[in-house]
Amino acid sequence: MGRPYIKTRFIIWIAFLAIISNNAKSDREIEQEMIGLADSFGTIECDKVLRGLGTKVLLSPRDLEKGSIFVTAAHTLFDKESGRRYKNCFFKLGNSRFNKRPFDRTSNTNYSPLDNDIDKAASDYIFFYIKNSVPSPGIRLKETGKSEVNLVSIGFDSFSDKIILNNPCERIRSKILKLDGILLHNCDSKAGNSGGAIIDRNTGSLVAIHGGKFLINENKENTNFSTKTIIINHGREVDLAFVKSLDNFMLSLIGDQ
């Protein structure tokens, strides 16, 4: 039996705000914050098919006077068979078909669908810019380094056609995989969750974006060298390279302001 999901949008955002809030707030205050936060997340549609999720990045007014910057997994914008970028991509705020915005610009990326799995995971993030400002302030980025974090992830439920708050999850450690810039986790990993925000439950900050899964084969010497396949979820962690890429993208947008 699958994990239970909260399928009412209002309850989802109430739950999310309760997790990230350090102080008790009235229902009215929480409701007002929920209205603002809802537009920080949305779905990405490329060539008329839902490809994944995106998150608005919190910036100061000095960083960007107009428009908004979002982040997603780079692979959501590529055809994995041909390796080519999709032609027409849109961001649907809160997955609303009535609030659909075209991408105006995307950041440079080193991602290639033709690379090996490790290289793809390390490069699997991209920023995109939407000219018309989005009311929500966005989600703050946070570098975690080697510190332990309690997590929650944003996902998509295809049955209810809604963006959802998944069950709490955590960072995991692997003796096999110790990779810079890649966060291994046990958060929900379903179709449509690519690019979804992985959030530190204690601060409400975005610490990674979900990428996919690694399939690892382990030989067990005590069982006549039989092979066991392990599945590990991974996300592109917010680190110095991630932040520098955002800074470079903001500089490239100066002429558009």
C-alpha atoms as a PDB file:
ATOM      1  CA  MET A   1       0.000   0.000   0.000  1.00  0.00           C
ATOM      2  CA  GLY A   2       1.405   3.397  -0.994  1.00  0.00           C
ATOM      3  CA  ARG A   3       2.109   6.274   1.339  1.00  0.00           C
ATOM      4  CA  PRO A   4      -0.885   8.443   2.170  1.00  0.00           C
ATOM      5  CA  TYR A   5      -1.029  11.861   0.516  1.00  0.00           C
ATOM      6  CA  ILE A   6      -2.757  15.049   1.560  1.00  0.00           C
ATOM      7  CA  LYS A   7      -4.752  15.896  -1.508  1.00  0.00           C
ATOM      8  CA  THR A   8      -6.409  19.165  -0.550  1.00  0.00           C
ATOM      9  CA  ARG A   9      -4.241  22.055  -1.624  1.00  0.00           C
ATOM     10  CA  PHE A  10      -5.158  24.228   1.351  1.00  0.00           C
ATOM     11  CA  ILE A  11      -4.210  21.498   3.832  1.00  0.00           C
ATOM     12  CA  ILE A  12      -0.934  20.843   1.995  1.00  0.00           C
ATOM     13  CA  TRP A  13       0.282  24.390   2.409  1.00  0.00           C
ATOM     14  CA  ILE A  14      -0.959  24.609   5.987  1.00  0.00           C
ATOM     15  CA  ALA A  15       1.117  21.499   6.731  1.00  0.00           C
ATOM     16  CA  PHE A  16       4.135  22.909   4.941  1.00  0.00           C
ATOM     17  CA  LEU A  17       3.999  26.166   6.854  1.00  0.00           C
ATOM     18  CA  ALA A  18       3.547  24.349  10.141  1.00  0.00           C
ATOM     19  CA  ILE A  19       6.745  22.413   9.447  1.00  0.00           C
ATOM     20  CA  ILE A  20       8.909  25.414   8.623  1.00  0.00           C
ATOM     21  CA  SER A  21       7.486  27.809  11.211  1.00  0.00           C
ATOM     22  CA  ASN A  22       9.303  28.160  14.524  1.00  0.00           C
ATOM     23  CA  ASN A  23       6.513  30.172  16.158  1.00  0.00           C
ATOM     24  CA  ALA A  24       2.877  29.266  16.642  1.00  0.00           C
ATOM     25  CA  LYS A  25       0.655  31.278  14.334  1.00  0.00           C
ATOM     26  CA  SER A  26      -3.036  31.856  14.059  1.00  0.00           C
ATOM     27  CA  ASP A  27      -5.024  30.116  11.336  1.00  0.00           C
ATOM     28  CA  ARG A  28      -5.470  33.476   9.642  1.00  0.00           C
ATOM     29  CA  GLU A  29      -1.733  34.164   9.541  1.00  0.00           C
ATOM     30  CA  ILE A  30      -0.997  30.704   8.187  1.00  0.00           C
ATOM     31  CA  GLU A  31      -3.670  31.082   5.519  1.00  0.00           C
ATOM     32  CA  GLN A  32      -2.169  34.362   4.329  1.00  0.00           C
ATOM     33  CA  GLU A  33       1.315  32.850   4.107  1.00  0.00           C
ATOM     34  CA  MET A  34      -0.066  29.820   2.303  1.00  0.00           C
ATOM     35  CA  ILE A  35      -1.514  32.051  -0.410  1.00  0.00           C
ATOM     36  CA  GLY A  36       1.903  33.600  -0.961  1.00  0.00           C
ATOM     37  CA  LEU A  37       3.895  30.355  -0.915  1.00  0.00           C
ATOM     38  CA  ALA A  38       1.689  28.392  -3.278  1.00  0.00           C
ATOM     39  CA  ASP A  39       3.086  30.161  -6.347  1.00  0.00           C
ATOM     40  CA  SER A  40       6.667  29.279  -5.365  1.00  0.00           C
ATOM     41  CA  PHE A  41       6.090  25.799  -6.812  1.00  0.00           C
ATOM     42  CA  GLY A  42       4.683  24.627 -10.093  1.00  0.00           C
ATOM     43  CA  THR A  43       4.862  22.102 -12.880  1.00  0.00           C
ATOM     44  CA  ILE A  44       6.912  22.290 -16.060  1.00  0.00           C
ATOM     45  CA  GLU A  45       5.290  21.508 -19.373  1.00  0.00           C
ATOM     46  CA  CYS A  46       7.470  21.091 -22.457  1.00  0.00           C
ATOM     47  CA  ASP A  47       6.075  20.301 -25.900  1.00  0.00           C
ATOM     48  CA  LYS A  48       2.627  19.792 -24.333  1.00  0.00           C
ATOM     49  CA  VAL A  49       3.734  17.106 -21.827  1.00  0.00           C
ATOM     50  CA  LEU A  50       4.302  17.487 -18.085  1.00  0.00           C
ATOM     51  CA  ARG A  51       8.042  16.989 -17.494  1.00  0.00           C
ATOM     52  CA  GLY A  52       8.606  17.813 -13.839  1.00  0.00           C
ATOM     53  CA  LEU A  53       8.529  20.480 -11.145  1.00  0.00           C
ATOM     54  CA  GLY A  54      10.138  23.875 -10.580  1.00  0.00           C
ATOM     55  CA  THR A  55      10.729  26.128  -7.577  1.00  0.00           C
ATOM     56  CA  LYS A  56      11.018  29.894  -7.359  1.00  0.00           C
ATOM     57  CA  VAL A  57      14.314  31.067  -5.851  1.00  0.00           C
ATOM     58  CA  LEU A  58      14.181  33.746  -3.159  1.00  0.00           C
ATOM     59  CA  LEU A  59      16.211  36.792  -4.242  1.00  0.00           C
ATOM     60  CA  SER A  60      16.671  40.238  -2.757  1.00  0.00           C
ATOM     61  CA  PRO A  61      15.128  43.212  -4.639  1.00  0.00           C
ATOM     62  CA  ARG A  62      18.658  44.333  -5.478  1.00  0.00           C
ATOM     63  CA  ASP A  63      19.392  41.062  -7.248  1.00  0.00           C
ATOM     64  CA  LEU A  64      16.483  41.217  -9.657  1.00  0.00           C
ATOM     65  CA  GLU A  65      14.139  44.175 -10.037  1.00  0.00           C
ATOM     66  CA  LYS A  66      11.754  42.486 -12.443  1.00  0.00           C
ATOM     67  CA  GLY A  67      10.818  38.934 -13.215  1.00  0.00           C
ATOM     68  CA  SER A  68      11.496  35.717 -11.295  1.00  0.00           C
ATOM     69  CA  ILE A  69      14.079  32.945 -11.369  1.00  0.00           C
ATOM     70  CA  PHE A  70      13.155  29.301 -10.896  1.00  0.00           C
ATOM     71  CA  VAL A  71      15.212  26.136 -10.650  1.00  0.00           C
ATOM     72  CA  THR A  72      14.539  22.607 -11.836  1.00  0.00           C
ATOM     73  CA  ALA A  73      16.395  19.464 -12.827  1.00  0.00           C
ATOM     74  CA  ALA A  74      18.058  20.015 -16.217  1.00  0.00           C
ATOM     75  CA  HIS A  75      16.905  16.654 -17.541  1.00  0.00           C
ATOM     76  CA  THR A  76      13.274  17.825 -17.472  1.00  0.00           C
ATOM     77  CA  LEU A  77      14.076  20.059 -20.473  1.00  0.00           C
ATOM     78  CA  PHE A  78      15.768  17.372 -22.595  1.00  0.00           C
ATOM     79  CA  ASP A  79      14.527  14.493 -24.715  1.00  0.00           C
ATOM     80  CA  LYS A  80      16.512  11.580 -23.279  1.00  0.00           C
ATOM     81  CA  GLU A  81      16.336   9.645 -26.546  1.00  0.00           C
ATOM     82  CA  SER A  82      17.588  12.316 -28.945  1.00  0.00           C
ATOM     83  CA  GLY A  83      19.496  14.402 -26.396  1.00  0.00           C
ATOM     84  CA  ARG A  84      17.863  17.572 -27.752  1.00  0.00           C
ATOM     85  CA  ARG A  85      16.195  20.347 -25.802  1.00  0.00           C
ATOM     86  CA  TYR A  86      12.430  20.552 -25.980  1.00  0.00           C
ATOM     87  CA  LYS A  87      11.262  23.506 -28.047  1.00  0.00           C
ATOM     88  CA  ASN A  88       8.432  25.049 -26.033  1.00  0.00           C
ATOM     89  CA  CYS A  89       8.497  25.025 -22.236  1.00  0.00           C
ATOM     90  CA  PHE A  90       6.051  26.622 -19.822  1.00  0.00           C
ATOM     91  CA  PHE A  91       5.807  26.960 -16.065  1.00  0.00           C
ATOM     92  CA  LYS A  92       2.371  26.361 -14.559  1.00  0.00           C
ATOM     93  CA  LEU A  93       2.145  28.139 -11.202  1.00  0.00           C
ATOM     94  CA  GLY A  94       0.675  25.725  -8.665  1.00  0.00           C
ATOM     95  CA  ASN A  95       0.008  23.438 -11.662  1.00  0.00           C
ATOM     96  CA  SER A  96      -2.810  25.769 -12.666  1.00  0.00           C
ATOM     97  CA  ARG A  97      -3.703  25.626 -16.347  1.00  0.00           C
ATOM     98  CA  PHE A  98      -4.936  29.190 -15.980  1.00  0.00           C
ATOM     99  CA  ASN A  99      -1.558  30.515 -14.802  1.00  0.00           C
ATOM    100  CA  LYS A 100       0.847  29.270 -17.433  1.00  0.00           C
ATOM    101  CA  ARG A 101       4.009  31.283 -18.165  1.00  0.00           C
ATOM    102  CA  PRO A 102       6.516  30.690 -21.007  1.00  0.00           C
ATOM    103  CA  PHE A 103      10.226  30.432 -20.223  1.00  0.00           C
ATOM    104  CA  ASP A 104      11.974  33.644 -21.279  1.00  0.00           C
ATOM    105  CA  ARG A 105      15.552  32.564 -20.616  1.00  0.00           C
ATOM    106  CA  THR A 106      17.404  29.545 -19.245  1.00  0.00           C
ATOM    107  CA  SER A 107      20.845  29.391 -17.675  1.00  0.00           C
ATOM    108  CA  ASN A 108      23.816  27.615 -19.207  1.00  0.00           C
ATOM    109  CA  THR A 109      24.118  23.971 -18.256  1.00  0.00           C
ATOM    110  CA  ASN A 110      26.737  21.247 -18.532  1.00  0.00           C
ATOM    111  CA  TYR A 111      24.041  18.588 -18.487  1.00  0.00           C
ATOM    112  CA  SER A 112      23.927  16.107 -21.353  1.00  0.00           C
ATOM    113  CA  PRO A 113      21.585  13.106 -21.598  1.00  0.00           C
ATOM    114  CA  LEU A 114      24.465  11.232 -23.246  1.00  0.00           C
ATOM    115  CA  ASP A 115      26.770  11.401 -20.203  1.00  0.00           C
ATOM    116  CA  ASN A 116      27.158   8.610 -17.666  1.00  0.00           C
ATOM    117  CA  ASP A 117      24.785   8.536 -14.696  1.00  0.00           C
ATOM    118  CA  ILE A 118      27.226  10.150 -12.240  1.00  0.00           C
ATOM    119  CA  ASP A 119      28.073  13.078 -14.522  1.00  0.00           C
ATOM    120  CA  LYS A 120      24.413  13.602 -15.354  1.00  0.00           C
ATOM    121  CA  ALA A 121      23.452  13.717 -11.685  1.00  0.00           C
ATOM    122  CA  ALA A 122      26.226  16.214 -10.884  1.00  0.00           C
ATOM    123  CA  SER A 123      25.054  18.579 -13.664  1.00  0.00           C
ATOM    124  CA  ASP A 124      21.328  18.015 -13.284  1.00  0.00           C
ATOM    125  CA  TYR A 125      20.123  21.529 -12.466  1.00  0.00           C
ATOM    126  CA  ILE A 126      19.146  24.551 -14.503  1.00  0.00           C
ATOM    127  CA  PHE A 127      17.655  27.978 -13.793  1.00  0.00           C
ATOM    128  CA  PHE A 128      14.976  29.644 -15.879  1.00  0.00           C
ATOM    129  CA  TYR A 129      13.681  33.195 -15.951  1.00  0.00           C
ATOM    130  CA  ILE A 130      10.123  34.440 -16.316  1.00  0.00           C
ATOM    131  CA  LYS A 131       9.718  38.148 -17.112  1.00  0.00           C
ATOM    132  CA  ASN A 132       6.409  38.725 -15.416  1.00  0.00           C
ATOM    133  CA  SER A 133       7.006  38.764 -11.673  1.00  0.00           C
ATOM    134  CA  VAL A 134       5.421  36.054  -9.541  1.00  0.00           C
ATOM    135  CA  PRO A 135       3.859  37.323  -6.252  1.00  0.00           C
ATOM    136  CA  SER A 136       5.383  34.624  -4.055  1.00  0.00           C
ATOM    137  CA  PRO A 137       8.767  35.589  -2.538  1.00  0.00           C
ATOM    138  CA  GLY A 138      10.262  32.196  -3.324  1.00  0.00           C
ATOM    139  CA  ILE A 139      12.339  29.707  -1.335  1.00  0.00           C
ATOM    140  CA  ARG A 140      15.739  30.506   0.162  1.00  0.00           C
ATOM    141  CA  LEU A 141      18.743  28.406  -0.907  1.00  0.00           C
ATOM    142  CA  LYS A 142      20.915  26.765   1.735  1.00  0.00           C
ATOM    143  CA  GLU A 143      24.191  24.872   1.465  1.00  0.00           C
ATOM    144  CA  THR A 144      24.195  21.889   3.815  1.00  0.00           C
ATOM    145  CA  GLY A 145      27.713  20.573   3.291  1.00  0.00           C
ATOM    146  CA  LYS A 146      28.148  17.401   5.330  1.00  0.00           C
ATOM    147  CA  SER A 147      25.632  18.357   7.986  1.00  0.00           C
ATOM    148  CA  GLU A 148      22.641  16.177   8.709  1.00  0.00           C
ATOM    149  CA  VAL A 149      19.257  17.568   7.659  1.00  0.00           C
ATOM    150  CA  ASN A 150      15.642  16.596   8.208  1.00  0.00           C
ATOM    151  CA  LEU A 151      13.896  16.792   4.875  1.00  0.00           C
ATOM    152  CA  VAL A 152      10.564  17.046   3.163  1.00  0.00           C
ATOM    153  CA  SER A 153      10.021  17.041  -0.587  1.00  0.00           C
ATOM    154  CA  ILE A 154       7.554  18.616  -2.972  1.00  0.00           C
ATOM    155  CA  GLY A 155       6.019  16.168  -5.410  1.00  0.00           C
ATOM    156  CA  PHE A 156       3.247  15.719  -7.922  1.00  0.00           C
ATOM    157  CA  ASP A 157       0.278  13.395  -7.514  1.00  0.00           C
ATOM    158  CA  SER A 158      -0.948  12.350 -10.946  1.00  0.00           C
ATOM    159  CA  PHE A 159      -4.193  10.929  -9.539  1.00  0.00           C
ATOM    160  CA  SER A 160      -5.372  14.202  -8.036  1.00  0.00           C
ATOM    161  CA  ASP A 161      -3.390  16.306 -10.550  1.00  0.00           C
ATOM    162  CA  LYS A 162      -1.989  18.362  -7.675  1.00  0.00           C
ATOM    163  CA  ILE A 163       1.350  19.435  -6.283  1.00  0.00           C
ATOM    164  CA  ILE A 164       1.714  17.738  -2.914  1.00  0.00           C
ATOM    165  CA  LEU A 165       3.839  17.760   0.192  1.00  0.00           C
ATOM    166  CA  ASN A 166       5.399  14.305   0.544  1.00  0.00           C
ATOM    167  CA  ASN A 167       6.039  12.522   3.813  1.00  0.00           C
ATOM    168  CA  PRO A 168       9.086  13.573   5.847  1.00  0.00           C
ATOM    169  CA  CYS A 169      12.329  11.967   4.665  1.00  0.00           C
ATOM    170  CA  GLU A 170      16.048  12.168   5.331  1.00  0.00           C
ATOM    171  CA  ARG A 171      19.510  12.305   3.867  1.00  0.00           C
ATOM    172  CA  ILE A 172      21.122   8.879   3.585  1.00  0.00           C
ATOM    173  CA  ARG A 173      24.746   7.791   3.499  1.00  0.00           C
ATOM    174  CA  SER A 174      26.270   5.230   1.175  1.00  0.00           C
ATOM    175  CA  LYS A 175      29.620   3.470   1.501  1.00  0.00           C
ATOM    176  CA  ILE A 176      29.608   3.056  -2.266  1.00  0.00           C
ATOM    177  CA  LEU A 177      28.663   6.553  -3.373  1.00  0.00           C
ATOM    178  CA  LYS A 178      30.351   9.622  -1.903  1.00  0.00           C
ATOM    179  CA  LEU A 179      29.910  12.295  -4.542  1.00  0.00           C
ATOM    180  CA  ASP A 180      30.399  16.046  -4.335  1.00  0.00           C
ATOM    181  CA  GLY A 181      27.254  18.016  -5.124  1.00  0.00           C
ATOM    182  CA  ILE A 182      24.932  15.020  -4.934  1.00  0.00           C
ATOM    183  CA  LEU A 183      22.565  14.468  -2.019  1.00  0.00           C
ATOM    184  CA  LEU A 184      21.360  10.896  -1.523  1.00  0.00           C
ATOM    185  CA  HIS A 185      17.925  10.660   0.065  1.00  0.00           C
ATOM    186  CA  ASN A 186      14.938   8.453   0.735  1.00  0.00           C
ATOM    187  CA  CYS A 187      12.277  11.002  -0.259  1.00  0.00           C
ATOM    188  CA  ASP A 188       9.495   9.916  -2.601  1.00  0.00           C
ATOM    189  CA  SER A 189      10.679   9.422  -6.149  1.00  0.00           C
ATOM    190  CA  LYS A 190       7.802   8.996  -8.555  1.00  0.00           C
ATOM    191  CA  ALA A 191       7.216   9.943 -12.172  1.00  0.00           C
ATOM    192  CA  GLY A 192       6.604  13.679 -12.379  1.00  0.00           C
ATOM    193  CA  ASN A 193       8.707  14.483  -9.286  1.00  0.00           C
ATOM    194  CA  SER A 194      11.838  15.357 -11.261  1.00  0.00           C
ATOM    195  CA  GLY A 195      13.112  18.802 -10.320  1.00  0.00           C
ATOM    196  CA  GLY A 196      10.992  18.881  -7.175  1.00  0.00           C
ATOM    197  CA  ALA A 197      12.261  20.842  -4.181  1.00  0.00           C
ATOM    198  CA  ILE A 198      13.942  18.991  -1.315  1.00  0.00           C
ATOM    199  CA  ILE A 199      13.558  21.221   1.720  1.00  0.00           C
ATOM    200  CA  ASP A 200      15.201  21.414   5.134  1.00  0.00           C
ATOM    201  CA  ARG A 201      12.269  21.007   7.519  1.00  0.00           C
ATOM    202  CA  ASN A 202      13.953  23.047  10.238  1.00  0.00           C
ATOM    203  CA  THR A 203      14.592  26.188   8.175  1.00  0.00           C
ATOM    204  CA  GLY A 204      12.259  25.925   5.177  1.00  0.00           C
ATOM    205  CA  SER A 205      15.272  26.353   2.864  1.00  0.00           C
ATOM    206  CA  LEU A 206      15.815  24.508  -0.408  1.00  0.00           C
ATOM    207  CA  VAL A 207      18.836  22.209  -0.036  1.00  0.00           C
ATOM    208  CA  ALA A 208      18.547  20.102  -3.204  1.00  0.00           C
ATOM    209  CA  ILE A 209      16.377  19.353  -6.212  1.00  0.00           C
ATOM    210  CA  HIS A 210      15.321  15.807  -6.953  1.00  0.00           C
ATOM    211  CA  GLY A 211      17.000  14.178  -9.928  1.00  0.00           C
ATOM    212  CA  GLY A 212      16.302  10.457 -10.079  1.00  0.00           C
ATOM    213  CA  LYS A 213      17.679   7.092  -8.972  1.00  0.00           C
ATOM    214  CA  PHE A 214      20.957   5.251  -9.024  1.00  0.00           C
ATOM    215  CA  LEU A 215      20.843   1.500  -9.557  1.00  0.00           C
ATOM    216  CA  ILE A 216      23.835  -0.086  -7.836  1.00  0.00           C
ATOM    217  CA  ASN A 217      24.926  -3.710  -8.102  1.00  0.00           C
ATOM    218  CA  GLU A 218      26.581  -5.236  -5.045  1.00  0.00           C
ATOM    219  CA  ASN A 219      28.391  -8.571  -5.077  1.00  0.00           C
ATOM    220  CA  LYS A 220      27.785 -10.665  -1.967  1.00  0.00           C
ATOM    221  CA  GLU A 221      30.792 -12.915  -1.403  1.00  0.00           C
ATOM    222  CA  ASN A 222      29.019 -14.942   1.262  1.00  0.00           C
ATOM    223  CA  THR A 223      26.316 -15.966  -1.227  1.00  0.00           C
ATOM    224  CA  ASN A 224      28.537 -17.262  -4.028  1.00  0.00           C
ATOM    225  CA  PHE A 225      29.038 -13.831  -5.569  1.00  0.00           C
ATOM    226  CA  SER A 226      25.357 -13.306  -6.200  1.00  0.00           C
ATOM    227  CA  THR A 227      24.430  -9.750  -7.165  1.00  0.00           C
ATOM    228  CA  LYS A 228      21.997  -7.542  -5.290  1.00  0.00           C
ATOM    229  CA  THR A 229      20.617  -4.383  -6.878  1.00  0.00           C
ATOM    230  CA  ILE A 230      20.181  -1.372  -4.614  1.00  0.00           C
ATOM    231  CA  ILE A 231      18.128   1.670  -5.576  1.00  0.00           C
ATOM    232  CA  ILE A 232      19.233   5.023  -4.155  1.00  0.00           C
ATOM    233  CA  ASN A 233      17.418   8.313  -4.814  1.00  0.00           C
ATOM    234  CA  HIS A 234      19.559  11.321  -5.586  1.00  0.00           C
ATOM    235  CA  GLY A 235      19.200  15.080  -5.886  1.00  0.00           C
ATOM    236  CA  ARG A 236      21.487  17.912  -6.970  1.00  0.00           C
ATOM    237  CA  GLU A 237      22.608  19.542  -3.748  1.00  0.00           C
ATOM    238  CA  VAL A 238      22.834  23.286  -3.259  1.00  0.00           C
ATOM    239  CA  ASP A 239      26.580  23.960  -3.050  1.00  0.00           C
ATOM    240  CA  LEU A 240      29.066  26.639  -4.101  1.00  0.00           C
ATOM    241  CA  ALA A 241      28.939  25.649  -7.797  1.00  0.00           C
ATOM    242  CA  PHE A 242      25.131  25.730  -7.680  1.00  0.00           C
ATOM    243  CA  VAL A 243      25.106  29.224  -6.147  1.00  0.00           C
ATOM    244  CA  LYS A 244      27.760  30.522  -8.570  1.00  0.00           C
ATOM    245  CA  SER A 245      25.691  29.295 -11.491  1.00  0.00           C
ATOM    246  CA  LEU A 246      22.735  31.271 -10.143  1.00  0.00           C
ATOM    247  CA  ASP A 247      24.904  34.381  -9.732  1.00  0.00           C
ATOM    248  CA  ASN A 248      26.165  34.096 -13.319  1.00  0.00           C
ATOM    249  CA  PHE A 249      22.630  33.695 -14.590  1.00  0.00           C
ATOM    250  CA  MET A 250      21.509  36.818 -12.741  1.00  0.00           C
ATOM    251  CA  LEU A 251      24.374  38.790 -14.284  1.00  0.00           C
ATOM    252  CA  SER A 252      23.334  37.615 -17.739  1.00  0.00           C
ATOM    253  CA  LEU A 253      19.838  39.016 -17.140  1.00  0.00           C
ATOM    254  CA  ILE A 254      20.930  42.561 -16.411  1.00  0.00           C
ATOM    255  CA  GLY A 255      20.103  43.675 -19.945  1.00  0.00           C
ATOM    256  CA  ASP A 256      16.580  42.294 -19.573  1.00  0.00           C
ATOM    257  CA  GLN A 257      15.736  44.359 -16.500  1.00  0.00           C
END
